[in-house]
Amino acid sequence: MRHALIAICLCSMVLPYQAMAQSKGKGIRFWNLTTATISGLQLSPAGRNEWGPNQTLNDKDKEVDHDERLRITGVEPGRYDAKVSYPDNRQCVVRDIEIRADAVFSFADKDLKDCSK
């Protein structure tokens, strides 16, 4: 019983520090270096076509202008494909992007592939 009480006390001291350490990072961010405003950005593990939620909804105006940064949520570091949508209904894919923890990833017009309208 005594050991369990000590373990509970230690955990209650350590867990808040772990939470603070995790919250200090800036998180994953996307930097729009394309020449147009993006209205949709979905990520999928590279090569799997399992598209996640529209990340532009994290932005106050629900779009990401040229040279604007966007906080990405619900995504772990790894390699991803991105489906990019524009207000004119054009969609493109950017393949095999490396996403790192607490870092910025970006792409430009030259990276857009498989575009369709």
N, C-alpha and C. Protein backbone atom coordinates (compact mmCIF):
# COMPACT_ATOMS: atom_id res chain seq x y z
N MET A 1 0.82 -1.19 0.00
CA MET A 1 0.00 0.00 0.00
C MET A 1 0.87 1.25 0.00
N ARG A 2 1.91 1.21 0.80
CA ARG A 2 2.81 2.36 0.92
C ARG A 2 3.51 2.64 -0.41
N HIS A 3 3.94 1.55 -1.08
CA HIS A 3 4.61 1.70 -2.38
C HIS A 3 3.66 2.27 -3.43
N ALA A 4 2.43 1.85 -3.39
CA ALA A 4 1.43 2.36 -4.34
C ALA A 4 1.20 3.85 -4.13
N LEU A 5 1.16 4.28 -2.89
CA LEU A 5 0.97 5.69 -2.57
C LEU A 5 2.15 6.52 -3.06
N ILE A 6 3.34 6.01 -2.88
CA ILE A 6 4.54 6.71 -3.36
C ILE A 6 4.52 6.81 -4.88
N ALA A 7 4.14 5.72 -5.55
CA ALA A 7 4.07 5.72 -7.02
C ALA A 7 3.05 6.74 -7.52
N ILE A 8 1.90 6.82 -6.85
CA ILE A 8 0.87 7.79 -7.25
C ILE A 8 1.38 9.21 -7.08
N CYS A 9 2.06 9.46 -5.98
CA CYS A 9 2.61 10.80 -5.74
C CYS A 9 3.64 11.17 -6.80
N LEU A 10 4.52 10.24 -7.13
CA LEU A 10 5.55 10.51 -8.15
C LEU A 10 4.91 10.78 -9.50
N CYS A 11 3.91 9.99 -9.87
CA CYS A 11 3.24 10.20 -11.16
C CYS A 11 2.55 11.55 -11.21
N SER A 12 1.94 11.93 -10.10
CA SER A 12 1.23 13.22 -10.10
C SER A 12 2.21 14.39 -10.21
N MET A 13 3.46 14.18 -9.85
CA MET A 13 4.47 15.23 -9.99
C MET A 13 5.06 15.25 -11.40
N VAL A 14 5.23 14.09 -12.02
CA VAL A 14 5.89 13.98 -13.31
C VAL A 14 4.95 14.32 -14.47
N LEU A 15 3.71 13.88 -14.44
CA LEU A 15 2.80 14.07 -15.57
C LEU A 15 2.58 15.53 -15.95
N PRO A 16 2.40 16.46 -15.01
CA PRO A 16 2.25 17.86 -15.43
C PRO A 16 3.48 18.39 -16.17
N TYR A 17 4.67 17.96 -15.77
CA TYR A 17 5.88 18.40 -16.44
C TYR A 17 5.96 17.83 -17.86
N GLN A 18 5.53 16.60 -18.06
CA GLN A 18 5.50 16.02 -19.40
C GLN A 18 4.51 16.78 -20.28
N ALA A 19 3.36 17.12 -19.75
CA ALA A 19 2.36 17.86 -20.53
C ALA A 19 2.90 19.23 -20.91
N MET A 20 3.59 19.90 -20.00
CA MET A 20 4.16 21.21 -20.31
C MET A 20 5.23 21.08 -21.38
N ALA A 21 6.06 20.06 -21.30
CA ALA A 21 7.12 19.87 -22.29
C ALA A 21 6.53 19.64 -23.67
N GLN A 22 5.43 18.87 -23.75
CA GLN A 22 4.81 18.61 -25.04
C GLN A 22 4.14 19.85 -25.60
N SER A 23 3.62 20.71 -24.74
CA SER A 23 2.89 21.88 -25.23
C SER A 23 3.81 23.03 -25.60
N LYS A 24 5.09 22.96 -25.25
CA LYS A 24 6.02 24.05 -25.55
C LYS A 24 6.35 24.15 -27.03
N GLY A 25 6.31 23.03 -27.76
CA GLY A 25 6.62 23.05 -29.18
C GLY A 25 5.57 23.81 -29.96
N LYS A 26 5.94 24.25 -31.14
CA LYS A 26 5.01 25.01 -31.98
C LYS A 26 4.08 24.11 -32.77
N GLY A 27 4.32 22.82 -32.77
CA GLY A 27 3.48 21.91 -33.51
C GLY A 27 3.86 21.90 -34.99
N ILE A 28 3.15 21.12 -35.74
CA ILE A 28 3.39 20.99 -37.18
C ILE A 28 2.65 22.12 -37.88
N ARG A 29 3.34 22.78 -38.83
CA ARG A 29 2.74 23.87 -39.58
C ARG A 29 3.03 23.70 -41.06
N PHE A 30 2.07 24.16 -41.87
CA PHE A 30 2.21 24.16 -43.33
C PHE A 30 2.41 25.60 -43.78
N TRP A 31 3.32 25.80 -44.73
CA TRP A 31 3.60 27.12 -45.29
C TRP A 31 3.23 27.07 -46.77
N ASN A 32 2.24 27.83 -47.18
CA ASN A 32 1.76 27.82 -48.56
C ASN A 32 2.69 28.65 -49.44
N LEU A 33 3.52 27.97 -50.21
CA LEU A 33 4.40 28.66 -51.15
C LEU A 33 3.89 28.56 -52.58
N THR A 34 2.64 28.08 -52.75
CA THR A 34 2.04 28.12 -54.08
C THR A 34 1.61 29.56 -54.35
N THR A 35 1.29 29.86 -55.59
CA THR A 35 0.92 31.24 -55.95
C THR A 35 -0.56 31.53 -55.74
N ALA A 36 -1.31 30.57 -55.23
CA ALA A 36 -2.76 30.75 -55.07
C ALA A 36 -3.21 30.44 -53.65
N THR A 37 -4.39 30.88 -53.33
CA THR A 37 -5.02 30.57 -52.05
C THR A 37 -5.52 29.13 -52.07
N ILE A 38 -5.23 28.38 -51.01
CA ILE A 38 -5.64 26.99 -50.89
C ILE A 38 -6.91 26.93 -50.04
N SER A 39 -7.92 26.22 -50.54
CA SER A 39 -9.16 26.09 -49.79
C SER A 39 -9.33 24.70 -49.18
N GLY A 40 -8.45 23.78 -49.53
CA GLY A 40 -8.50 22.43 -48.96
C GLY A 40 -7.11 21.82 -48.90
N LEU A 41 -6.79 21.21 -47.79
CA LEU A 41 -5.51 20.51 -47.62
C LEU A 41 -5.78 19.27 -46.79
N GLN A 42 -5.68 18.11 -47.44
CA GLN A 42 -5.89 16.84 -46.76
C GLN A 42 -4.63 16.02 -46.87
N LEU A 43 -4.32 15.28 -45.81
CA LEU A 43 -3.11 14.46 -45.78
C LEU A 43 -3.47 12.99 -45.69
N SER A 44 -2.63 12.16 -46.31
CA SER A 44 -2.78 10.72 -46.27
C SER A 44 -1.40 10.12 -46.08
N PRO A 45 -1.27 9.04 -45.31
CA PRO A 45 0.02 8.37 -45.29
C PRO A 45 0.46 8.09 -46.72
N ALA A 46 1.73 8.32 -47.02
CA ALA A 46 2.23 8.23 -48.40
C ALA A 46 1.78 6.95 -49.09
N GLY A 47 1.20 7.11 -50.28
CA GLY A 47 0.80 5.99 -51.13
C GLY A 47 -0.48 5.28 -50.74
N ARG A 48 -1.21 5.76 -49.74
CA ARG A 48 -2.38 5.01 -49.25
C ARG A 48 -3.72 5.60 -49.63
N ASN A 49 -3.81 6.81 -50.12
CA ASN A 49 -5.09 7.43 -50.50
C ASN A 49 -6.15 7.33 -49.41
N GLU A 50 -5.75 7.55 -48.17
CA GLU A 50 -6.66 7.56 -47.01
C GLU A 50 -6.67 8.98 -46.46
N TRP A 51 -7.40 9.85 -47.13
CA TRP A 51 -7.34 11.29 -46.85
C TRP A 51 -8.00 11.65 -45.53
N GLY A 52 -7.28 12.42 -44.75
CA GLY A 52 -7.78 12.91 -43.48
C GLY A 52 -8.63 14.16 -43.67
N PRO A 53 -8.97 14.81 -42.55
CA PRO A 53 -9.83 15.99 -42.60
C PRO A 53 -9.17 17.18 -43.29
N ASN A 54 -9.99 18.10 -43.72
CA ASN A 54 -9.51 19.32 -44.37
C ASN A 54 -8.84 20.21 -43.33
N GLN A 55 -7.52 20.33 -43.42
CA GLN A 55 -6.76 21.10 -42.44
C GLN A 55 -6.99 22.61 -42.55
N THR A 56 -7.47 23.09 -43.70
CA THR A 56 -7.70 24.54 -43.82
C THR A 56 -8.81 25.00 -42.88
N LEU A 57 -9.61 24.09 -42.38
CA LEU A 57 -10.65 24.46 -41.42
C LEU A 57 -10.05 24.91 -40.10
N ASN A 58 -8.74 24.67 -39.90
CA ASN A 58 -8.05 25.15 -38.70
C ASN A 58 -7.75 26.64 -38.78
N ASP A 59 -7.90 27.24 -39.95
CA ASP A 59 -7.59 28.65 -40.16
C ASP A 59 -8.84 29.49 -39.90
N LYS A 60 -8.64 30.70 -39.41
CA LYS A 60 -9.79 31.55 -39.07
C LYS A 60 -10.68 31.86 -40.25
N ASP A 61 -10.12 32.01 -41.47
CA ASP A 61 -10.96 32.26 -42.64
C ASP A 61 -11.14 31.02 -43.52
N LYS A 62 -10.69 29.87 -43.02
CA LYS A 62 -10.88 28.56 -43.68
C LYS A 62 -10.15 28.44 -45.01
N GLU A 63 -9.16 29.31 -45.25
CA GLU A 63 -8.32 29.24 -46.45
C GLU A 63 -6.90 29.60 -46.05
N VAL A 64 -5.94 29.19 -46.90
CA VAL A 64 -4.54 29.50 -46.64
C VAL A 64 -4.01 30.28 -47.84
N ASP A 65 -3.78 31.55 -47.62
CA ASP A 65 -3.29 32.43 -48.69
C ASP A 65 -1.83 32.13 -49.00
N HIS A 66 -1.37 32.62 -50.16
CA HIS A 66 0.04 32.53 -50.51
C HIS A 66 0.87 33.11 -49.37
N ASP A 67 1.92 32.43 -48.98
CA ASP A 67 2.87 32.85 -47.95
C ASP A 67 2.27 32.84 -46.53
N GLU A 68 1.11 32.23 -46.37
CA GLU A 68 0.51 32.10 -45.04
C GLU A 68 0.86 30.73 -44.46
N ARG A 69 0.94 30.67 -43.14
CA ARG A 69 1.19 29.40 -42.45
C ARG A 69 -0.09 28.91 -41.78
N LEU A 70 -0.18 27.59 -41.66
CA LEU A 70 -1.37 26.95 -41.12
C LEU A 70 -0.95 25.89 -40.11
N ARG A 71 -1.57 25.90 -38.93
CA ARG A 71 -1.33 24.85 -37.93
C ARG A 71 -2.01 23.57 -38.39
N ILE A 72 -1.27 22.47 -38.36
CA ILE A 72 -1.77 21.15 -38.74
C ILE A 72 -2.08 20.38 -37.46
N THR A 73 -3.25 19.76 -37.40
CA THR A 73 -3.65 19.02 -36.20
C THR A 73 -3.95 17.57 -36.53
N GLY A 74 -3.78 16.71 -35.53
CA GLY A 74 -4.13 15.30 -35.67
C GLY A 74 -3.24 14.51 -36.59
N VAL A 75 -2.02 14.98 -36.82
CA VAL A 75 -1.10 14.32 -37.74
C VAL A 75 0.21 14.04 -36.99
N GLU A 76 0.68 12.82 -37.09
CA GLU A 76 1.95 12.43 -36.49
C GLU A 76 3.08 12.64 -37.51
N PRO A 77 4.30 12.85 -37.05
CA PRO A 77 5.42 12.95 -37.99
C PRO A 77 5.51 11.69 -38.87
N GLY A 78 5.93 11.88 -40.10
CA GLY A 78 6.07 10.76 -41.04
C GLY A 78 6.05 11.27 -42.47
N ARG A 79 5.84 10.35 -43.42
CA ARG A 79 5.78 10.70 -44.83
C ARG A 79 4.33 10.67 -45.28
N TYR A 80 3.92 11.72 -45.98
CA TYR A 80 2.53 11.90 -46.37
C TYR A 80 2.41 12.36 -47.82
N ASP A 81 1.23 12.10 -48.39
CA ASP A 81 0.80 12.74 -49.63
C ASP A 81 -0.20 13.81 -49.21
N ALA A 82 -0.28 14.88 -49.99
CA ALA A 82 -1.23 15.95 -49.71
C ALA A 82 -2.14 16.16 -50.90
N LYS A 83 -3.44 16.26 -50.63
CA LYS A 83 -4.42 16.63 -51.65
C LYS A 83 -4.73 18.10 -51.40
N VAL A 84 -4.50 18.91 -52.44
CA VAL A 84 -4.65 20.36 -52.34
C VAL A 84 -5.82 20.78 -53.21
N SER A 85 -6.72 21.59 -52.65
CA SER A 85 -7.88 22.09 -53.39
C SER A 85 -7.83 23.60 -53.44
N TYR A 86 -8.36 24.14 -54.54
CA TYR A 86 -8.38 25.59 -54.75
C TYR A 86 -9.82 26.05 -54.92
N PRO A 87 -10.10 27.33 -54.66
CA PRO A 87 -11.47 27.84 -54.79
C PRO A 87 -12.10 27.62 -56.17
N ASP A 88 -11.28 27.49 -57.21
CA ASP A 88 -11.83 27.28 -58.56
C ASP A 88 -12.11 25.80 -58.85
N ASN A 89 -12.13 24.97 -57.80
CA ASN A 89 -12.40 23.52 -57.87
C ASN A 89 -11.26 22.70 -58.43
N ARG A 90 -10.12 23.30 -58.70
CA ARG A 90 -8.95 22.53 -59.12
C ARG A 90 -8.40 21.77 -57.93
N GLN A 91 -7.96 20.52 -58.17
CA GLN A 91 -7.33 19.71 -57.13
C GLN A 91 -6.02 19.17 -57.66
N CYS A 92 -5.02 19.14 -56.79
CA CYS A 92 -3.71 18.59 -57.13
C CYS A 92 -3.23 17.73 -55.98
N VAL A 93 -2.22 16.92 -56.26
CA VAL A 93 -1.62 16.08 -55.24
C VAL A 93 -0.13 16.41 -55.16
N VAL A 94 0.39 16.42 -53.96
CA VAL A 94 1.83 16.52 -53.71
C VAL A 94 2.21 15.23 -53.01
N ARG A 95 3.16 14.51 -53.56
CA ARG A 95 3.49 13.18 -53.04
C ARG A 95 4.75 13.18 -52.18
N ASP A 96 4.73 12.29 -51.20
CA ASP A 96 5.89 11.94 -50.39
C ASP A 96 6.53 13.14 -49.68
N ILE A 97 5.74 13.82 -48.88
CA ILE A 97 6.21 14.96 -48.09
C ILE A 97 6.68 14.44 -46.74
N GLU A 98 7.82 14.90 -46.30
CA GLU A 98 8.27 14.54 -44.96
C GLU A 98 7.74 15.57 -43.98
N ILE A 99 7.02 15.09 -42.97
CA ILE A 99 6.47 15.96 -41.94
C ILE A 99 7.18 15.61 -40.63
N ARG A 100 7.77 16.62 -40.02
CA ARG A 100 8.52 16.44 -38.77
C ARG A 100 7.80 17.13 -37.62
N ALA A 101 8.02 16.64 -36.43
CA ALA A 101 7.41 17.23 -35.23
C ALA A 101 7.91 18.66 -35.05
N ASP A 102 7.02 19.55 -34.66
CA ASP A 102 7.36 20.95 -34.36
C ASP A 102 8.15 21.62 -35.49
N ALA A 103 7.78 21.33 -36.72
CA ALA A 103 8.48 21.88 -37.88
C ALA A 103 7.47 22.36 -38.92
N VAL A 104 7.99 23.12 -39.86
CA VAL A 104 7.19 23.64 -40.97
C VAL A 104 7.48 22.80 -42.21
N PHE A 105 6.43 22.41 -42.93
CA PHE A 105 6.62 21.81 -44.25
C PHE A 105 5.93 22.72 -45.25
N SER A 106 6.41 22.69 -46.48
CA SER A 106 5.85 23.57 -47.50
C SER A 106 5.93 22.90 -48.86
N PHE A 107 5.20 23.45 -49.80
CA PHE A 107 5.38 23.09 -51.21
C PHE A 107 4.99 24.28 -52.06
N ALA A 108 5.49 24.23 -53.30
CA ALA A 108 5.29 25.31 -54.26
C ALA A 108 4.58 24.75 -55.49
N ASP A 109 4.27 25.64 -56.42
CA ASP A 109 3.57 25.23 -57.65
C ASP A 109 4.27 24.07 -58.35
N LYS A 110 5.58 24.09 -58.40
CA LYS A 110 6.33 23.05 -59.11
C LYS A 110 6.14 21.65 -58.50
N ASP A 111 5.70 21.58 -57.25
CA ASP A 111 5.50 20.30 -56.57
C ASP A 111 4.13 19.69 -56.83
N LEU A 112 3.20 20.48 -57.38
CA LEU A 112 1.83 20.01 -57.62
C LEU A 112 1.78 19.04 -58.79
N LYS A 113 1.19 17.88 -58.57
CA LYS A 113 1.09 16.83 -59.60
C LYS A 113 -0.36 16.39 -59.73
N ASP A 114 -0.65 15.67 -60.79
CA ASP A 114 -1.97 15.06 -60.98
C ASP A 114 -3.10 16.08 -60.76
N CYS A 115 -2.99 17.23 -61.37
CA CYS A 115 -4.01 18.27 -61.20
C CYS A 115 -5.23 17.99 -62.07
N SER A 116 -6.41 18.26 -61.54
CA SER A 116 -7.65 18.08 -62.28
C SER A 116 -8.65 19.14 -61.86
N LYS A 117 -9.63 19.34 -62.67
CA LYS A 117 -10.69 20.32 -62.36
C LYS A 117 -12.04 19.69 -62.37
